[in-house]
Amino acid sequence: LAAQYDYSGAIELLKSSSLYTGSQKMQDAAAGYETTRQSCTAYPLDQVTHVFFHTMIKDDAKAFDGDSKEAGYNQVMTTMSEFTKIMESMYEKGYVMVSLHDMCIVNQDGTVSQGEILLPPGKIPFVLSQDDVSYYHYMDGDGFAQKLIVDENGDVKNTYVEDDGSISVGDYDMVPWIDTFVKQHPDFSYHGHKGIIALTGYEGVLGYRTDEVYRTREAGRVTEYQQKFFDEHPDFDEAAWQNEVDQATAVANAMKAEGWEFASHTWGHQNVGQVTLEKLQADTERFKKNVDPLIGGTDVIIFAFGTDITNDQEYSGDKFEYLKGQGYNYYCNVDSSQYYVQIRDRYFRQGRRNLDGYRMYYNPELLEDLFDAKSVFDPARPTPVPPMG
């Protein structure tokens, strides 16, 4: 507890022991925790940065192989080598993962109130998130992990399909890497919190084909990639689909037990600033039907394409009222500035910073508070990184 800044919890645990009154060592430890607790100050919430990634590239050679998908991977993906260096740099600088739910408290009447993050001197809170952790069909064979699993030790790991078809298990993406790192460096996590995983649903979640279309094969909804999957898996029936659902749910539960949280990234990766209210409603209903049961629901929405429901300074209007009515209290767009935090009576809003090939190549100066982009940049990444648009 104390290693993750819960000094009150550590003191309470010590004092609840029947050995406490007769143990000078335990009393000294409690006194030390009390001294450290008194040194903690409330960190300014409007200065909490939020960084995010997409699925990590495990094998650079396969992602950067000159095909039609290379440019997109180069722009918006991060390699495991880069991610490792980024996280190690942030840890060395004193950064600590916190939850949006630390920053903002939802009251019973649906209003929200400012939270509090208490840290000792030299520690800096940040929010970590990752988008599109679905291991989409289009990524097959391109050097990405296959799925997330719970291994024989109860740990969440990735599987990866090797060239010979064999399956390797390891830390090939953000979730298992962070889990391993926090075991070694528990002070990288505030009160046990880790990151937020933003999920779509149209091809399932966490590498499992859980969407209803894999069960129904509804005409008009099966995509080219999904049809290819069915052709390669002719025996994929309702029982196989249920098995995918069960496994995805088990992984999600294991992740939550380890401090991970989930967010909607919209079911169909929608641009909420452009779609109609009716399309947003239909998409949200699909998310709630196909994804919420697997993750236990969420009150966080991380907008796809980095967009927002409005360009206005304050939320209002039909889209916000609909999403608020569906239980969403936390809203995140993409804002490459160092900080963007807005806490209002009915919602929390935060901008995020993309730590990817595009940002490291074109705007390294925007990342200097976190890491040195030049020393992080993977030499296997093709340059110049293609410009957006």
Protein backbone atom coordinates (compact mmCIF):
# COMPACT_ATOMS: atom_id res chain seq x y z
CA LEU A 1 0.00 0.00 0.00
CA ALA A 2 2.67 2.51 1.01
CA ALA A 3 4.68 1.70 -2.13
CA GLN A 4 1.71 2.95 -4.15
CA TYR A 5 1.13 6.08 -2.04
CA ASP A 6 -1.77 4.79 0.05
CA TYR A 7 -0.13 5.78 3.32
CA SER A 8 -3.43 5.93 5.20
CA GLY A 9 -4.20 2.37 4.15
CA ALA A 10 -0.73 1.19 5.16
CA ILE A 11 -1.01 2.84 8.59
CA GLU A 12 -4.47 1.37 9.14
CA LEU A 13 -3.23 -2.09 8.13
CA LEU A 14 -0.32 -1.91 10.57
CA LYS A 15 -2.44 -0.67 13.44
CA SER A 16 -5.07 -3.35 12.86
CA SER A 17 -2.49 -6.07 13.52
CA SER A 18 -2.58 -7.79 16.90
CA LEU A 19 1.20 -7.48 16.93
CA TYR A 20 1.24 -3.71 16.54
CA THR A 21 1.30 -2.64 20.21
CA GLY A 22 4.21 -4.95 20.97
CA SER A 23 6.24 -4.25 17.85
CA GLN A 24 8.51 -1.22 17.81
CA LYS A 25 9.37 -1.98 14.19
CA MET A 26 5.71 -1.76 13.13
CA GLN A 27 5.19 1.41 15.16
CA ASP A 28 8.26 3.00 13.58
CA ALA A 29 7.00 2.05 10.14
CA ALA A 30 3.60 3.64 10.85
CA ALA A 31 5.31 6.78 12.11
CA GLY A 32 7.41 6.91 8.95
CA TYR A 33 4.35 6.55 6.76
CA GLU A 34 2.64 9.31 8.74
CA THR A 35 5.60 11.63 8.14
CA THR A 36 5.50 10.86 4.42
CA ARG A 37 1.73 11.33 4.31
CA GLN A 38 2.10 14.78 5.84
CA SER A 39 4.61 15.66 3.14
CA CYS A 40 2.07 14.93 0.40
CA THR A 41 0.28 17.78 -1.32
CA ALA A 42 -2.77 17.88 -3.57
CA TYR A 43 -1.51 17.95 -7.15
CA PRO A 44 -3.15 20.63 -9.37
CA LEU A 45 -5.64 18.63 -11.42
CA ASP A 46 -5.50 21.08 -14.31
CA GLN A 47 -1.84 20.11 -14.73
CA VAL A 48 -2.36 16.35 -15.11
CA THR A 49 -1.33 15.20 -18.57
CA HIS A 50 -2.94 12.29 -20.43
CA VAL A 51 -0.90 10.25 -22.92
CA PHE A 52 -2.11 7.50 -25.22
CA PHE A 53 -0.97 4.86 -27.64
CA HIS A 54 -2.44 2.46 -30.14
CA THR A 55 -1.57 -1.24 -30.31
CA MET A 56 2.19 -1.71 -30.09
CA ILE A 57 4.30 -3.07 -32.91
CA LYS A 58 6.14 -6.20 -31.78
CA ASP A 59 7.98 -6.98 -35.03
CA ASP A 60 9.15 -3.86 -36.85
CA ALA A 61 10.10 -5.74 -40.01
CA LYS A 62 6.57 -7.02 -40.52
CA ALA A 63 4.85 -3.69 -39.82
CA PHE A 64 7.31 -1.67 -41.90
CA ASP A 65 7.46 -3.97 -44.91
CA GLY A 66 6.53 -1.48 -47.63
CA ASP A 67 2.92 -2.57 -48.14
CA SER A 68 -0.13 -0.32 -48.24
CA LYS A 69 -0.54 -0.38 -44.45
CA GLU A 70 2.99 0.71 -43.60
CA ALA A 71 2.25 4.45 -43.76
CA GLY A 72 -0.61 4.22 -41.27
CA TYR A 73 1.42 2.11 -38.88
CA ASN A 74 4.30 4.58 -39.18
CA GLN A 75 2.07 7.51 -38.35
CA VAL A 76 -0.07 6.30 -35.46
CA MET A 77 1.60 3.23 -33.98
CA THR A 78 4.49 2.90 -31.53
CA THR A 79 7.01 0.09 -31.43
CA MET A 80 7.62 -1.91 -28.26
CA SER A 81 11.19 -0.59 -28.20
CA GLU A 82 9.91 2.99 -28.23
CA PHE A 83 7.18 2.31 -25.69
CA THR A 84 9.65 0.71 -23.29
CA LYS A 85 11.99 3.70 -23.48
CA ILE A 86 9.11 6.16 -23.07
CA MET A 87 7.76 4.47 -19.96
CA GLU A 88 11.22 4.09 -18.43
CA SER A 89 11.92 7.78 -19.06
CA MET A 90 8.64 8.85 -17.50
CA TYR A 91 9.25 6.64 -14.49
CA GLU A 92 12.70 8.13 -13.99
CA LYS A 93 11.20 11.62 -14.15
CA GLY A 94 8.78 10.76 -11.34
CA TYR A 95 5.58 10.17 -13.31
CA VAL A 96 2.90 8.04 -11.64
CA MET A 97 -0.20 6.49 -13.27
CA VAL A 98 -3.50 7.75 -11.87
CA SER A 99 -7.15 7.15 -12.73
CA LEU A 100 -9.66 9.62 -14.12
CA HIS A 101 -11.76 8.54 -11.16
CA ASP A 102 -9.07 9.97 -8.86
CA MET A 103 -9.41 13.31 -10.60
CA CYS A 104 -13.18 13.55 -10.59
CA ILE A 105 -15.86 12.02 -8.35
CA VAL A 106 -19.37 11.24 -9.61
CA ASN A 107 -22.09 12.02 -7.11
CA GLN A 108 -25.31 10.04 -6.68
CA ASP A 109 -27.36 12.73 -8.41
CA GLY A 110 -25.17 12.59 -11.54
CA THR A 111 -23.23 15.74 -10.80
CA VAL A 112 -19.46 15.55 -10.50
CA SER A 113 -16.98 17.00 -8.04
CA GLN A 114 -13.26 17.60 -8.13
CA GLY A 115 -11.21 14.72 -6.74
CA GLU A 116 -7.85 14.81 -5.01
CA ILE A 117 -4.48 13.24 -5.78
CA LEU A 118 -2.01 13.37 -2.91
CA LEU A 119 1.61 12.71 -3.79
CA PRO A 120 4.95 13.32 -2.10
CA PRO A 121 7.38 15.88 -3.57
CA GLY A 122 8.93 14.92 -6.91
CA LYS A 123 6.03 12.76 -8.12
CA ILE A 124 3.92 13.76 -11.14
CA PRO A 125 0.55 12.16 -11.91
CA PHE A 126 -0.43 11.23 -15.45
CA VAL A 127 -3.24 9.31 -17.14
CA LEU A 128 -2.35 6.48 -19.54
CA SER A 129 -4.68 5.06 -22.17
CA GLN A 130 -4.62 2.84 -25.23
CA ASP A 131 -7.04 2.80 -28.15
CA ASP A 132 -8.42 -0.02 -30.29
CA VAL A 133 -7.23 -3.00 -28.25
CA SER A 134 -9.15 -5.41 -30.43
CA TYR A 135 -6.34 -6.89 -32.55
CA TYR A 136 -8.27 -6.29 -35.72
CA HIS A 137 -8.26 -8.72 -38.64
CA TYR A 138 -6.33 -6.31 -40.86
CA MET A 139 -3.34 -6.52 -38.49
CA ASP A 140 -2.86 -10.27 -38.96
CA GLY A 141 0.69 -11.05 -40.07
CA ASP A 142 1.87 -7.47 -39.60
CA GLY A 143 3.89 -7.91 -36.43
CA PHE A 144 1.24 -7.31 -33.79
CA ALA A 145 0.13 -9.52 -30.92
CA GLN A 146 -2.80 -11.88 -31.52
CA LYS A 147 -4.81 -11.41 -28.33
CA LEU A 148 -4.65 -11.02 -24.56
CA ILE A 149 -4.93 -14.14 -22.41
CA VAL A 150 -4.81 -15.18 -18.77
CA ASP A 151 -1.84 -17.53 -18.43
CA GLU A 152 -1.37 -20.46 -16.06
CA ASN A 153 -0.12 -18.09 -13.34
CA GLY A 154 -3.18 -15.88 -13.58
CA ASP A 155 -1.24 -13.10 -15.31
CA VAL A 156 -2.51 -11.26 -18.38
CA LYS A 157 -0.17 -11.82 -21.32
CA ASN A 158 -0.21 -11.62 -25.12
CA THR A 159 -0.09 -14.43 -27.60
CA TYR A 160 1.84 -13.95 -30.82
CA VAL A 161 1.78 -16.10 -33.95
CA GLU A 162 5.32 -16.90 -35.07
CA ASP A 163 6.34 -17.46 -38.70
CA ASP A 164 6.10 -21.22 -38.29
CA GLY A 165 2.58 -20.98 -36.87
CA SER A 166 3.60 -21.65 -33.28
CA ILE A 167 2.22 -19.44 -30.51
CA SER A 168 4.50 -17.48 -28.20
CA VAL A 169 3.32 -15.93 -24.94
CA GLY A 170 4.81 -12.75 -23.53
CA ASP A 171 4.69 -9.00 -22.94
CA TYR A 172 4.06 -7.92 -26.52
CA ASP A 173 1.77 -4.94 -25.91
CA MET A 174 1.03 -2.27 -23.33
CA VAL A 175 -1.08 -4.18 -20.79
CA PRO A 176 1.27 -7.07 -19.91
CA TRP A 177 4.36 -4.84 -20.17
CA ILE A 178 2.90 -2.38 -17.65
CA ASP A 179 1.81 -5.22 -15.36
CA THR A 180 5.35 -6.60 -15.32
CA PHE A 181 6.91 -3.15 -14.86
CA VAL A 182 4.65 -2.29 -11.93
CA LYS A 183 5.55 -5.56 -10.20
CA GLN A 184 9.14 -4.39 -10.36
CA HIS A 185 8.35 -0.70 -9.71
CA PRO A 186 5.12 -0.48 -7.68
CA ASP A 187 5.62 3.28 -7.20
CA PHE A 188 4.74 3.78 -10.89
CA SER A 189 1.10 3.23 -9.88
CA TYR A 190 -1.01 5.45 -7.62
CA HIS A 191 -3.23 3.31 -5.36
CA GLY A 192 -2.81 0.39 -7.77
CA HIS A 193 -4.23 2.21 -10.79
CA LYS A 194 -2.92 1.54 -14.29
CA GLY A 195 -4.30 2.65 -17.64
CA ILE A 196 -7.59 2.91 -19.52
CA ILE A 197 -8.26 0.56 -22.42
CA ALA A 198 -10.56 2.13 -25.04
CA LEU A 199 -12.51 -0.49 -26.96
CA THR A 200 -14.52 -0.61 -30.13
CA GLY A 201 -16.76 -3.62 -30.62
CA TYR A 202 -17.33 -4.28 -34.30
CA GLU A 203 -14.64 -6.98 -34.50
CA GLY A 204 -14.79 -7.95 -30.85
CA VAL A 205 -12.51 -7.00 -27.98
CA LEU A 206 -9.04 -7.92 -26.70
CA GLY A 207 -8.46 -10.23 -29.67
CA TYR A 208 -11.69 -12.23 -29.27
CA ARG A 209 -14.44 -12.29 -31.91
CA THR A 210 -17.23 -11.38 -29.53
CA ASP A 211 -19.49 -9.16 -31.62
CA GLU A 212 -22.93 -10.53 -32.41
CA VAL A 213 -22.15 -10.62 -36.14
CA TYR A 214 -19.79 -13.56 -35.51
CA ARG A 215 -22.75 -15.45 -34.10
CA THR A 216 -25.47 -14.36 -36.52
CA ARG A 217 -23.48 -13.76 -39.72
CA GLU A 218 -26.21 -11.27 -40.51
CA ALA A 219 -26.44 -10.48 -44.20
CA GLY A 220 -25.21 -7.01 -45.05
CA ARG A 221 -23.12 -6.69 -41.90
CA VAL A 222 -20.31 -9.16 -42.58
CA THR A 223 -17.24 -7.29 -43.77
CA GLU A 224 -14.62 -8.57 -46.18
CA TYR A 225 -12.24 -9.28 -43.31
CA GLN A 226 -14.94 -11.09 -41.35
CA GLN A 227 -15.88 -13.21 -44.34
CA LYS A 228 -12.23 -14.16 -44.72
CA PHE A 229 -12.24 -15.17 -41.03
CA PHE A 230 -15.34 -17.34 -41.57
CA ASP A 231 -13.77 -18.94 -44.64
CA GLU A 232 -10.67 -19.79 -42.61
CA HIS A 233 -12.75 -21.00 -39.64
CA PRO A 234 -15.71 -22.88 -41.16
CA ASP A 235 -16.49 -24.53 -37.81
CA PHE A 236 -16.90 -21.22 -35.97
CA ASP A 237 -20.43 -21.67 -34.62
CA GLU A 238 -22.46 -20.28 -31.72
CA ALA A 239 -20.59 -22.44 -29.21
CA ALA A 240 -17.27 -21.12 -30.51
CA TRP A 241 -18.62 -17.57 -30.28
CA GLN A 242 -19.73 -18.15 -26.68
CA ASN A 243 -16.27 -19.45 -25.88
CA GLU A 244 -14.77 -16.23 -27.25
CA VAL A 245 -17.17 -14.21 -25.09
CA ASP A 246 -16.28 -16.21 -22.00
CA GLN A 247 -12.54 -15.88 -22.58
CA ALA A 248 -12.75 -12.14 -23.26
CA THR A 249 -14.77 -11.66 -20.08
CA ALA A 250 -12.20 -13.61 -18.06
CA VAL A 251 -9.38 -11.47 -19.44
CA ALA A 252 -11.29 -8.26 -18.73
CA ASN A 253 -11.97 -9.36 -15.15
CA ALA A 254 -8.30 -10.24 -14.64
CA MET A 255 -7.29 -6.84 -16.00
CA LYS A 256 -9.68 -4.97 -13.72
CA ALA A 257 -8.32 -6.90 -10.74
CA GLU A 258 -4.87 -5.58 -11.69
CA GLY A 259 -5.97 -1.93 -11.83
CA TRP A 260 -6.97 -1.52 -15.47
CA GLU A 261 -10.10 0.37 -16.52
CA PHE A 262 -12.12 0.31 -19.71
CA ALA A 263 -13.67 2.99 -21.88
CA SER A 264 -15.92 3.13 -24.91
CA HIS A 265 -14.15 4.10 -28.12
CA THR A 266 -17.59 3.83 -29.74
CA TRP A 267 -18.68 0.44 -31.09
CA GLY A 268 -17.93 1.29 -34.72
CA HIS A 269 -15.05 3.77 -34.31
CA GLN A 270 -17.35 6.69 -35.05
CA ASN A 271 -16.44 10.32 -35.59
CA VAL A 272 -18.88 11.67 -33.02
CA GLY A 273 -18.41 15.23 -34.22
CA GLN A 274 -19.76 14.31 -37.66
CA VAL A 275 -22.30 11.50 -37.21
CA THR A 276 -25.96 12.23 -36.66
CA LEU A 277 -27.53 11.86 -33.25
CA GLU A 278 -29.47 8.86 -34.55
CA LYS A 279 -26.28 7.10 -35.68
CA LEU A 280 -24.61 7.87 -32.36
CA GLN A 281 -27.58 6.37 -30.54
CA ALA A 282 -27.55 3.19 -32.66
CA ASP A 283 -23.79 2.83 -32.20
CA THR A 284 -24.02 3.33 -28.43
CA GLU A 285 -26.75 0.70 -28.20
CA ARG A 286 -24.50 -1.78 -29.99
CA PHE A 287 -21.65 -1.00 -27.60
CA LYS A 288 -23.89 -1.53 -24.61
CA LYS A 289 -25.20 -4.80 -26.03
CA ASN A 290 -21.91 -6.29 -27.26
CA VAL A 291 -19.15 -4.79 -25.10
CA ASP A 292 -20.53 -3.61 -21.77
CA PRO A 293 -21.46 -7.14 -20.60
CA LEU A 294 -17.85 -8.24 -21.12
CA ILE A 295 -16.20 -5.37 -19.27
CA GLY A 296 -18.82 -4.67 -16.61
CA GLY A 297 -19.86 -1.36 -18.14
CA THR A 298 -18.04 1.96 -18.21
CA ASP A 299 -18.76 5.65 -17.67
CA VAL A 300 -15.76 6.78 -19.75
CA ILE A 301 -15.86 7.56 -23.48
CA ILE A 302 -12.64 8.17 -25.37
CA PHE A 303 -13.55 9.58 -28.74
CA ALA A 304 -12.26 7.93 -31.91
CA PHE A 305 -10.31 10.03 -34.42
CA GLY A 306 -9.41 12.39 -31.57
CA THR A 307 -12.62 14.27 -32.23
CA ASP A 308 -15.18 15.62 -29.75
CA ILE A 309 -18.94 16.06 -29.67
CA THR A 310 -18.47 19.81 -29.99
CA ASN A 311 -15.79 22.41 -30.62
CA ASP A 312 -17.41 24.65 -28.03
CA GLN A 313 -15.71 25.42 -24.75
CA GLU A 314 -18.61 23.90 -22.80
CA TYR A 315 -20.64 20.76 -23.44
CA SER A 316 -24.30 21.13 -24.30
CA GLY A 317 -26.75 19.91 -26.90
CA ASP A 318 -28.43 16.68 -27.90
CA LYS A 319 -25.32 14.49 -28.26
CA PHE A 320 -23.97 15.40 -24.84
CA GLU A 321 -27.38 14.98 -23.19
CA TYR A 322 -27.78 11.58 -24.83
CA LEU A 323 -24.35 10.32 -23.75
CA LYS A 324 -24.80 11.72 -20.25
CA GLY A 325 -28.17 9.98 -20.07
CA GLN A 326 -26.45 6.73 -21.06
CA GLY A 327 -24.17 7.03 -18.04
CA TYR A 328 -21.05 8.61 -19.51
CA ASN A 329 -19.41 11.08 -17.13
CA TYR A 330 -15.81 11.21 -18.43
CA TYR A 331 -15.02 12.43 -21.95
CA CYS A 332 -11.62 12.44 -23.66
CA ASN A 333 -10.60 13.88 -27.03
CA VAL A 334 -7.10 14.46 -28.45
CA ASP A 335 -5.44 17.74 -27.61
CA SER A 336 -1.70 17.74 -28.11
CA SER A 337 -1.15 20.50 -25.58
CA GLN A 338 0.51 19.49 -22.34
CA TYR A 339 -2.66 19.85 -20.27
CA TYR A 340 -6.35 20.16 -20.99
CA VAL A 341 -8.64 19.37 -18.06
CA GLN A 342 -12.18 20.61 -17.62
CA ILE A 343 -14.30 19.71 -14.59
CA ARG A 344 -17.85 21.03 -14.74
CA ASP A 345 -21.01 20.31 -12.78
CA ARG A 346 -22.03 17.33 -14.91
CA TYR A 347 -18.93 16.07 -16.66
CA PHE A 348 -15.17 15.65 -16.74
CA ARG A 349 -13.31 16.40 -19.98
CA GLN A 350 -9.64 15.84 -20.75
CA GLY A 351 -7.41 16.14 -23.79
CA ARG A 352 -4.90 13.44 -24.67
CA ARG A 353 -1.45 13.45 -26.27
CA ASN A 354 -0.53 10.91 -28.97
CA LEU A 355 2.91 9.37 -28.45
CA ASP A 356 3.38 7.86 -31.89
CA GLY A 357 5.61 8.02 -34.93
CA TYR A 358 4.00 11.17 -36.27
CA ARG A 359 4.32 13.15 -33.05
CA MET A 360 7.87 11.99 -32.31
CA TYR A 361 9.05 12.82 -35.83
CA TYR A 362 7.32 16.16 -36.43
CA ASN A 363 6.90 17.65 -32.94
CA PRO A 364 9.57 16.23 -30.62
CA GLU A 365 9.64 19.51 -28.72
CA LEU A 366 6.08 18.87 -27.52
CA LEU A 367 7.24 15.74 -25.71
CA GLU A 368 10.27 17.09 -23.85
CA ASP A 369 8.49 17.01 -20.47
CA LEU A 370 8.06 13.25 -20.91
CA PHE A 371 11.09 11.94 -22.80
CA ASP A 372 13.74 12.74 -25.40
CA ALA A 373 12.16 11.75 -28.71
CA LYS A 374 15.50 11.49 -30.50
CA SER A 375 16.81 8.84 -28.11
CA VAL A 376 13.46 6.97 -28.14
CA PHE A 377 12.83 6.96 -31.90
CA ASP A 378 13.17 3.44 -33.30
CA PRO A 379 15.88 3.32 -36.03
CA ALA A 380 13.82 0.66 -37.79
CA ARG A 381 11.02 3.19 -38.37
CA PRO A 382 11.04 4.43 -42.00
CA THR A 383 11.65 8.16 -42.43
CA PRO A 384 10.30 10.55 -43.26
CA VAL A 385 7.16 9.58 -41.41
CA PRO A 386 4.32 10.28 -43.88
CA PRO A 387 2.50 13.56 -43.18
CA MET A 388 -1.16 13.38 -42.21
CA GLY A 389 -3.71 13.96 -44.95
